[in-house]
Amino acid sequence: DSSGLVAALQRLATNAERLFNIECKL
């Protein structure tokens, strides 16, 4: 959809911070 990549990257950043305990910034 129109926000597919942005939404996927936001989830990626959130999961990376939660799983790896790092700062992941878009």
PDB file of all heavy atoms in Angstrom:
ATOM      1  N   ASP A   1       0.852  -1.188   0.000  1.00  0.00           N
ATOM      2  CA  ASP A   1       0.000   0.000   0.000  1.00  0.00           C
ATOM      3  C   ASP A   1       0.889   1.240   0.000  1.00  0.00           C
ATOM      4  O   ASP A   1       2.106   1.154  -0.113  1.00  0.00           O
ATOM      5  CB  ASP A   1      -0.963  -0.009   1.188  1.00  0.00           C
ATOM      6  CG  ASP A   1      -0.245  -0.078   2.533  1.00  0.00           C
ATOM      7  OD1 ASP A   1       0.910   0.399   2.601  1.00  0.00           O
ATOM      8  OD2 ASP A   1      -0.832  -0.582   3.503  1.00  0.00           O
ATOM      9  N   SER A   2       0.283   2.417   0.171  1.00  0.00           N
ATOM     10  CA  SER A   2       1.028   3.670   0.031  1.00  0.00           C
ATOM     11  C   SER A   2       2.058   3.888   1.117  1.00  0.00           C
ATOM     12  O   SER A   2       2.970   4.688   0.963  1.00  0.00           O
ATOM     13  CB  SER A   2       0.049   4.849   0.004  1.00  0.00           C
ATOM     14  OG  SER A   2      -0.699   4.892   1.208  1.00  0.00           O
ATOM     15  N   SER A   3       1.948   3.208   2.237  1.00  0.00           N
ATOM     16  CA  SER A   3       2.899   3.406   3.337  1.00  0.00           C
ATOM     17  C   SER A   3       3.632   2.118   3.684  1.00  0.00           C
ATOM     18  O   SER A   3       4.152   1.982   4.784  1.00  0.00           O
ATOM     19  CB  SER A   3       2.165   3.953   4.572  1.00  0.00           C
ATOM     20  OG  SER A   3       1.195   3.021   5.015  1.00  0.00           O
ATOM     21  N   GLY A   4       3.686   1.170   2.738  1.00  0.00           N
ATOM     22  CA  GLY A   4       4.234  -0.151   3.028  1.00  0.00           C
ATOM     23  C   GLY A   4       5.660  -0.135   3.524  1.00  0.00           C
ATOM     24  O   GLY A   4       5.961  -0.686   4.587  1.00  0.00           O
ATOM     25  N   LEU A   5       6.593   0.510   2.788  1.00  0.00           N
ATOM     26  CA  LEU A   5       8.004   0.483   3.163  1.00  0.00           C
ATOM     27  C   LEU A   5       8.248   1.258   4.451  1.00  0.00           C
ATOM     28  O   LEU A   5       8.986   0.807   5.324  1.00  0.00           O
ATOM     29  CB  LEU A   5       8.858   1.056   2.035  1.00  0.00           C
ATOM     30  CG  LEU A   5      10.364   1.027   2.282  1.00  0.00           C
ATOM     31  CD1 LEU A   5      10.857  -0.405   2.489  1.00  0.00           C
ATOM     32  CD2 LEU A   5      11.120   1.694   1.147  1.00  0.00           C
ATOM     33  N   VAL A   6       7.619   2.421   4.591  1.00  0.00           N
ATOM     34  CA  VAL A   6       7.810   3.220   5.797  1.00  0.00           C
ATOM     35  C   VAL A   6       7.326   2.453   7.023  1.00  0.00           C
ATOM     36  O   VAL A   6       8.014   2.402   8.054  1.00  0.00           O
ATOM     37  CB  VAL A   6       7.082   4.575   5.681  1.00  0.00           C
ATOM     38  CG1 VAL A   6       7.114   5.307   7.014  1.00  0.00           C
ATOM     39  CG2 VAL A   6       7.711   5.425   4.600  1.00  0.00           C
ATOM     40  N   ALA A   7       6.161   1.846   6.915  1.00  0.00           N
ATOM     41  CA  ALA A   7       5.621   1.086   8.041  1.00  0.00           C
ATOM     42  C   ALA A   7       6.529  -0.084   8.399  1.00  0.00           C
ATOM     43  O   ALA A   7       6.780  -0.368   9.575  1.00  0.00           O
ATOM     44  CB  ALA A   7       4.218   0.594   7.706  1.00  0.00           C
ATOM     45  N   ALA A   8       7.051  -0.769   7.368  1.00  0.00           N
ATOM     46  CA  ALA A   8       7.928  -1.917   7.615  1.00  0.00           C
ATOM     47  C   ALA A   8       9.234  -1.483   8.286  1.00  0.00           C
ATOM     48  O   ALA A   8       9.731  -2.142   9.210  1.00  0.00           O
ATOM     49  CB  ALA A   8       8.224  -2.636   6.309  1.00  0.00           C
ATOM     50  N   LEU A   9       9.791  -0.351   7.840  1.00  0.00           N
ATOM     51  CA  LEU A   9      11.032   0.147   8.446  1.00  0.00           C
ATOM     52  C   LEU A   9      10.809   0.624   9.879  1.00  0.00           C
ATOM     53  O   LEU A   9      11.683   0.477  10.738  1.00  0.00           O
ATOM     54  CB  LEU A   9      11.614   1.273   7.595  1.00  0.00           C
ATOM     55  CG  LEU A   9      12.157   0.869   6.218  1.00  0.00           C
ATOM     56  CD1 LEU A   9      12.635   2.088   5.435  1.00  0.00           C
ATOM     57  CD2 LEU A   9      13.298  -0.138   6.352  1.00  0.00           C
ATOM     58  N   GLN A  10       9.650   1.214  10.141  1.00  0.00           N
ATOM     59  CA  GLN A  10       9.344   1.627  11.513  1.00  0.00           C
ATOM     60  C   GLN A  10       9.271   0.423  12.446  1.00  0.00           C
ATOM     61  O   GLN A  10       9.777   0.464  13.571  1.00  0.00           O
ATOM     62  CB  GLN A  10       8.029   2.421  11.530  1.00  0.00           C
ATOM     63  CG  GLN A  10       8.159   3.814  10.940  1.00  0.00           C
ATOM     64  CD  GLN A  10       6.828   4.514  10.769  1.00  0.00           C
ATOM     65  OE1 GLN A  10       5.760   3.879  10.784  1.00  0.00           O
ATOM     66  NE2 GLN A  10       6.872   5.832  10.578  1.00  0.00           N
ATOM     67  N   ARG A  11       8.635  -0.654  11.964  1.00  0.00           N
ATOM     68  CA  ARG A  11       8.599  -1.879  12.771  1.00  0.00           C
ATOM     69  C   ARG A  11      10.001  -2.443  12.955  1.00  0.00           C
ATOM     70  O   ARG A  11      10.341  -2.925  14.038  1.00  0.00           O
ATOM     71  CB  ARG A  11       7.696  -2.927  12.099  1.00  0.00           C
ATOM     72  CG  ARG A  11       6.226  -2.696  12.260  1.00  0.00           C
ATOM     73  CD  ARG A  11       5.428  -3.972  11.988  1.00  0.00           C
ATOM     74  NE  ARG A  11       5.751  -4.548  10.702  1.00  0.00           N
ATOM     75  CZ  ARG A  11       5.138  -4.222   9.568  1.00  0.00           C
ATOM     76  NH1 ARG A  11       4.173  -3.312   9.576  1.00  0.00           N
ATOM     77  NH2 ARG A  11       5.480  -4.783   8.426  1.00  0.00           N
ATOM     78  N   LEU A  12      10.807  -2.388  11.879  1.00  0.00           N
ATOM     79  CA  LEU A  12      12.181  -2.873  11.952  1.00  0.00           C
ATOM     80  C   LEU A  12      12.964  -2.122  13.024  1.00  0.00           C
ATOM     81  O   LEU A  12      13.677  -2.723  13.840  1.00  0.00           O
ATOM     82  CB  LEU A  12      12.857  -2.719  10.592  1.00  0.00           C
ATOM     83  CG  LEU A  12      14.368  -2.978  10.539  1.00  0.00           C
ATOM     84  CD1 LEU A  12      14.667  -4.437  10.848  1.00  0.00           C
ATOM     85  CD2 LEU A  12      14.945  -2.591   9.182  1.00  0.00           C
ATOM     86  N   ALA A  13      12.850  -0.785  13.021  1.00  0.00           N
ATOM     87  CA  ALA A  13      13.574   0.023  14.008  1.00  0.00           C
ATOM     88  C   ALA A  13      13.109  -0.281  15.421  1.00  0.00           C
ATOM     89  O   ALA A  13      13.928  -0.421  16.348  1.00  0.00           O
ATOM     90  CB  ALA A  13      13.391   1.504  13.680  1.00  0.00           C
ATOM     91  N   THR A  14      11.817  -0.408  15.592  1.00  0.00           N
ATOM     92  CA  THR A  14      11.270  -0.703  16.923  1.00  0.00           C
ATOM     93  C   THR A  14      11.742  -2.065  17.421  1.00  0.00           C
ATOM     94  O   THR A  14      12.182  -2.216  18.578  1.00  0.00           O
ATOM     95  CB  THR A  14       9.729  -0.668  16.877  1.00  0.00           C
ATOM     96  OG1 THR A  14       9.298   0.632  16.462  1.00  0.00           O
ATOM     97  CG2 THR A  14       9.142  -0.982  18.253  1.00  0.00           C
ATOM     98  N   ASN A  15      11.674  -3.069  16.553  1.00  0.00           N
ATOM     99  CA  ASN A  15      12.111  -4.421  16.938  1.00  0.00           C
ATOM    100  C   ASN A  15      13.611  -4.467  17.212  1.00  0.00           C
ATOM    101  O   ASN A  15      14.058  -5.171  18.133  1.00  0.00           O
ATOM    102  CB  ASN A  15      11.749  -5.423  15.850  1.00  0.00           C
ATOM    103  CG  ASN A  15      10.255  -5.660  15.750  1.00  0.00           C
ATOM    104  OD1 ASN A  15       9.525  -5.459  16.727  1.00  0.00           O
ATOM    105  ND2 ASN A  15       9.785  -6.073  14.576  1.00  0.00           N
ATOM    106  N   ALA A  16      14.402  -3.723  16.435  1.00  0.00           N
ATOM    107  CA  ALA A  16      15.846  -3.709  16.645  1.00  0.00           C
ATOM    108  C   ALA A  16      16.189  -3.113  18.006  1.00  0.00           C
ATOM    109  O   ALA A  16      17.062  -3.621  18.723  1.00  0.00           O
ATOM    110  CB  ALA A  16      16.535  -2.909  15.537  1.00  0.00           C
ATOM    111  N   GLU A  17      15.514  -2.037  18.379  1.00  0.00           N
ATOM    112  CA  GLU A  17      15.773  -1.425  19.692  1.00  0.00           C
ATOM    113  C   GLU A  17      15.367  -2.355  20.823  1.00  0.00           C
ATOM    114  O   GLU A  17      16.050  -2.455  21.850  1.00  0.00           O
ATOM    115  CB  GLU A  17      15.024  -0.089  19.782  1.00  0.00           C
ATOM    116  CG  GLU A  17      15.606   0.993  18.870  1.00  0.00           C
ATOM    117  CD  GLU A  17      14.923   2.333  19.057  1.00  0.00           C
ATOM    118  OE1 GLU A  17      13.770   2.351  19.549  1.00  0.00           O
ATOM    119  OE2 GLU A  17      15.546   3.370  18.717  1.00  0.00           O
ATOM    120  N   ARG A  18      14.249  -3.061  20.614  1.00  0.00           N
ATOM    121  CA  ARG A  18      13.756  -3.958  21.670  1.00  0.00           C
ATOM    122  C   ARG A  18      14.600  -5.226  21.790  1.00  0.00           C
ATOM    123  O   ARG A  18      14.957  -5.647  22.891  1.00  0.00           O
ATOM    124  CB  ARG A  18      12.291  -4.322  21.385  1.00  0.00           C
ATOM    125  CG  ARG A  18      11.681  -5.289  22.397  1.00  0.00           C
ATOM    126  CD  ARG A  18      10.188  -5.436  22.132  1.00  0.00           C
ATOM    127  NE  ARG A  18       9.913  -5.870  20.774  1.00  0.00           N
ATOM    128  CZ  ARG A  18       9.901  -7.147  20.387  1.00  0.00           C
ATOM    129  NH1 ARG A  18      10.188  -8.114  21.267  1.00  0.00           N
ATOM    130  NH2 ARG A  18       9.636  -7.477  19.147  1.00  0.00           N
ATOM    131  N   LEU A  19      14.976  -5.812  20.642  1.00  0.00           N
ATOM    132  CA  LEU A  19      15.694  -7.092  20.665  1.00  0.00           C
ATOM    133  C   LEU A  19      17.191  -6.915  20.916  1.00  0.00           C
ATOM    134  O   LEU A  19      17.806  -7.713  21.628  1.00  0.00           O
ATOM    135  CB  LEU A  19      15.480  -7.828  19.339  1.00  0.00           C
ATOM    136  CG  LEU A  19      14.043  -8.277  19.033  1.00  0.00           C
ATOM    137  CD1 LEU A  19      13.971  -8.849  17.626  1.00  0.00           C
ATOM    138  CD2 LEU A  19      13.568  -9.298  20.059  1.00  0.00           C
ATOM    139  N   PHE A  20      17.799  -5.877  20.314  1.00  0.00           N
ATOM    140  CA  PHE A  20      19.258  -5.707  20.393  1.00  0.00           C
ATOM    141  C   PHE A  20      19.704  -4.690  21.439  1.00  0.00           C
ATOM    142  O   PHE A  20      20.898  -4.527  21.684  1.00  0.00           O
ATOM    143  CB  PHE A  20      19.815  -5.284  19.024  1.00  0.00           C
ATOM    144  CG  PHE A  20      19.549  -6.263  17.913  1.00  0.00           C
ATOM    145  CD1 PHE A  20      19.107  -5.825  16.672  1.00  0.00           C
ATOM    146  CD2 PHE A  20      19.725  -7.627  18.115  1.00  0.00           C
ATOM    147  CE1 PHE A  20      18.863  -6.720  15.641  1.00  0.00           C
ATOM    148  CE2 PHE A  20      19.479  -8.527  17.091  1.00  0.00           C
ATOM    149  CZ  PHE A  20      19.049  -8.083  15.848  1.00  0.00           C
ATOM    150  N   ASN A  21      18.722  -3.965  22.008  1.00  0.00           N
ATOM    151  CA  ASN A  21      19.037  -2.946  23.008  1.00  0.00           C
ATOM    152  C   ASN A  21      19.974  -1.883  22.431  1.00  0.00           C
ATOM    153  O   ASN A  21      21.010  -1.526  23.001  1.00  0.00           O
ATOM    154  CB  ASN A  21      19.657  -3.570  24.261  1.00  0.00           C
ATOM    155  CG  ASN A  21      19.716  -2.590  25.426  1.00  0.00           C
ATOM    156  OD1 ASN A  21      18.884  -1.689  25.526  1.00  0.00           O
ATOM    157  ND2 ASN A  21      20.697  -2.764  26.295  1.00  0.00           N
ATOM    158  N   ILE A  22      19.635  -1.363  21.245  1.00  0.00           N
ATOM    159  CA  ILE A  22      20.419  -0.326  20.575  1.00  0.00           C
ATOM    160  C   ILE A  22      19.508   0.851  20.242  1.00  0.00           C
ATOM    161  O   ILE A  22      18.277   0.768  20.411  1.00  0.00           O
ATOM    162  CB  ILE A  22      21.062  -0.841  19.272  1.00  0.00           C
ATOM    163  CG1 ILE A  22      19.970  -1.221  18.255  1.00  0.00           C
ATOM    164  CG2 ILE A  22      22.007  -2.001  19.542  1.00  0.00           C
ATOM    165  CD1 ILE A  22      20.488  -1.460  16.856  1.00  0.00           C
ATOM    166  N   GLU A  23      20.109   1.916  19.758  1.00  0.00           N
ATOM    167  CA  GLU A  23      19.347   3.038  19.218  1.00  0.00           C
ATOM    168  C   GLU A  23      19.283   2.888  17.705  1.00  0.00           C
ATOM    169  O   GLU A  23      20.312   2.876  17.025  1.00  0.00           O
ATOM    170  CB  GLU A  23      20.028   4.365  19.564  1.00  0.00           C
ATOM    171  CG  GLU A  23      19.309   5.573  18.990  1.00  0.00           C
ATOM    172  CD  GLU A  23      20.065   6.872  19.215  1.00  0.00           C
ATOM    173  OE1 GLU A  23      20.968   6.891  20.076  1.00  0.00           O
ATOM    174  OE2 GLU A  23      19.757   7.858  18.507  1.00  0.00           O
ATOM    175  N   CYS A  24      18.094   2.753  17.174  1.00  0.00           N
ATOM    176  CA  CYS A  24      17.894   2.590  15.724  1.00  0.00           C
ATOM    177  C   CYS A  24      17.001   3.734  15.251  1.00  0.00           C
ATOM    178  O   CYS A  24      15.830   3.818  15.607  1.00  0.00           O
ATOM    179  CB  CYS A  24      17.255   1.241  15.411  1.00  0.00           C
ATOM    180  SG  CYS A  24      17.183   0.858  13.640  1.00  0.00           S
ATOM    181  N   LYS A  25      17.569   4.618  14.444  1.00  0.00           N
ATOM    182  CA  LYS A  25      16.901   5.861  14.066  1.00  0.00           C
ATOM    183  C   LYS A  25      16.616   5.893  12.567  1.00  0.00           C
ATOM    184  O   LYS A  25      17.467   5.565  11.750  1.00  0.00           O
ATOM    185  CB  LYS A  25      17.791   7.042  14.451  1.00  0.00           C
ATOM    186  CG  LYS A  25      17.209   8.405  14.110  1.00  0.00           C
ATOM    187  CD  LYS A  25      18.191   9.500  14.518  1.00  0.00           C
ATOM    188  CE  LYS A  25      17.647  10.873  14.147  1.00  0.00           C
ATOM    189  NZ  LYS A  25      18.627  11.951  14.485  1.00  0.00           N
ATOM    190  N   LEU A  26      15.383   6.307  12.229  1.00  0.00           N
ATOM    191  CA  LEU A  26      15.029   6.559  10.839  1.00  0.00           C
ATOM    192  C   LEU A  26      15.185   8.051  10.594  1.00  0.00           C
ATOM    193  O   LEU A  26      14.388   8.857  11.071  1.00  0.00           O
ATOM    194  CB  LEU A  26      13.589   6.134  10.550  1.00  0.00           C
ATOM    195  CG  LEU A  26      13.239   4.658  10.745  1.00  0.00           C
ATOM    196  CD1 LEU A  26      11.777   4.425  10.421  1.00  0.00           C
ATOM    197  CD2 LEU A  26      14.115   3.781   9.891  1.00  0.00           C
TER     198      LEU A  26
END
